[in-house]
Protein backbone atom coordinates (compact mmCIF):
# COMPACT_ATOMS: atom_id res chain seq x y z
CA MET A 1 -119.39 19.68 -28.31
CA LEU A 2 -115.66 18.97 -27.71
CA TYR A 3 -116.38 15.36 -26.41
CA LEU A 4 -118.24 14.73 -29.67
CA ILE A 5 -115.36 15.78 -31.75
CA ILE A 6 -112.68 13.61 -29.91
CA LEU A 7 -115.22 10.79 -30.17
CA ILE A 8 -115.56 10.86 -33.78
CA SER A 9 -111.68 11.13 -33.92
CA VAL A 10 -110.76 8.65 -32.33
CA SER A 11 -114.01 6.14 -33.85
CA ALA A 12 -111.92 7.37 -37.29
CA ILE A 13 -108.56 6.13 -36.24
CA PHE A 14 -109.96 2.74 -34.71
CA PHE A 15 -112.02 2.56 -38.44
CA ALA A 16 -108.23 3.11 -39.80
CA PHE A 17 -106.67 0.43 -38.14
CA TRP A 18 -109.88 -1.87 -38.89
CA GLN A 19 -109.50 -1.61 -42.26
CA ARG A 20 -105.67 -1.84 -42.25
CA ARG A 21 -105.73 -5.12 -40.62
CA GLY A 22 -108.88 -6.14 -43.57
CA ILE A 23 -106.21 -4.79 -46.32
CA PHE A 24 -103.26 -6.76 -44.35
CA LYS A 25 -105.12 -10.09 -44.73
CA LEU A 26 -105.81 -10.08 -48.42
CA LYS A 27 -103.16 -12.34 -50.43
CA THR A 28 -102.06 -11.23 -53.89
CA SER A 29 -101.61 -14.57 -56.40
CA ASP A 30 -100.30 -11.95 -58.98
CA LYS A 31 -96.12 -11.71 -58.87
CA ARG A 32 -96.14 -9.04 -61.40
CA ALA A 33 -98.46 -7.18 -58.86
CA GLU A 34 -95.85 -8.21 -55.89
CA GLU A 35 -92.48 -6.93 -58.03
CA ILE A 36 -94.79 -3.16 -58.35
CA SER A 37 -95.36 -3.04 -55.08
CA GLU A 38 -91.82 -4.10 -54.01
CA ALA A 39 -90.73 -0.72 -56.31
CA ILE A 40 -92.97 1.21 -54.97
CA LEU A 41 -92.17 0.69 -51.58
CA GLU A 42 -88.24 0.95 -52.21
CA GLY A 43 -89.07 4.22 -53.98
CA SER A 44 -90.69 5.62 -51.11
CA LYS A 45 -88.78 4.69 -48.65
CA ALA A 46 -86.16 6.86 -50.64
CA TYR A 47 -88.36 9.43 -50.44
CA LEU A 48 -89.52 9.93 -47.29
CA LYS A 49 -85.76 9.35 -46.26
CA ARG A 50 -84.70 12.50 -48.24
CA GLN A 51 -87.49 14.40 -47.22
CA PHE A 52 -86.94 13.80 -43.75
CA ARG A 53 -83.29 14.98 -44.36
CA VAL A 54 -84.04 18.10 -45.81
CA VAL A 55 -86.74 19.08 -43.33
CA SER A 56 -84.03 18.37 -40.74
CA LEU A 57 -81.76 20.41 -42.65
CA ILE A 58 -84.03 23.59 -42.53
CA ALA A 59 -85.32 23.03 -38.99
CA LEU A 60 -82.47 23.05 -37.84
CA ILE A 61 -81.26 26.21 -39.56
CA LEU A 62 -84.13 27.93 -38.28
CA ILE A 63 -83.74 26.62 -34.76
CA ILE A 64 -80.22 28.34 -34.87
CA ILE A 65 -81.85 31.98 -36.14
CA LEU A 66 -84.50 31.96 -33.85
CA PHE A 67 -81.48 30.98 -30.81
CA ILE A 68 -79.37 33.88 -32.08
CA PHE A 69 -82.17 36.91 -32.96
CA LEU A 70 -84.79 35.59 -30.64
CA SER A 71 -83.59 33.46 -27.38
CA TRP A 72 -83.18 30.11 -26.64
CA GLN A 73 -86.64 29.58 -25.34
CA THR A 74 -88.03 30.31 -28.61
CA ALA A 75 -85.75 28.01 -30.03
CA PHE A 76 -86.64 25.49 -28.07
CA GLY A 77 -90.82 26.04 -28.17
CA PHE A 78 -89.84 25.63 -32.08
CA LEU A 79 -87.96 22.35 -31.28
CA VAL A 80 -90.35 20.56 -29.35
CA GLY A 81 -93.26 21.63 -31.55
CA ALA A 82 -91.37 20.69 -34.59
């Protein structure tokens, strides 16, 4: 059963990359659509940058708390898992 789950998961990943390749081959002929696409890309990059900064800060605070109250092994485990 585990092998079936792994096979389906790997197949889904290959299918996603195959779909991605097909989408990137498509050309747009509308300049307005390209401008909107670039604006969405710029906004999403800014959002992800801010989100990464906030999540990193929270993770750092949690690592310090784990280090102080539990042990350095627990803090290191959280760091590796996070």
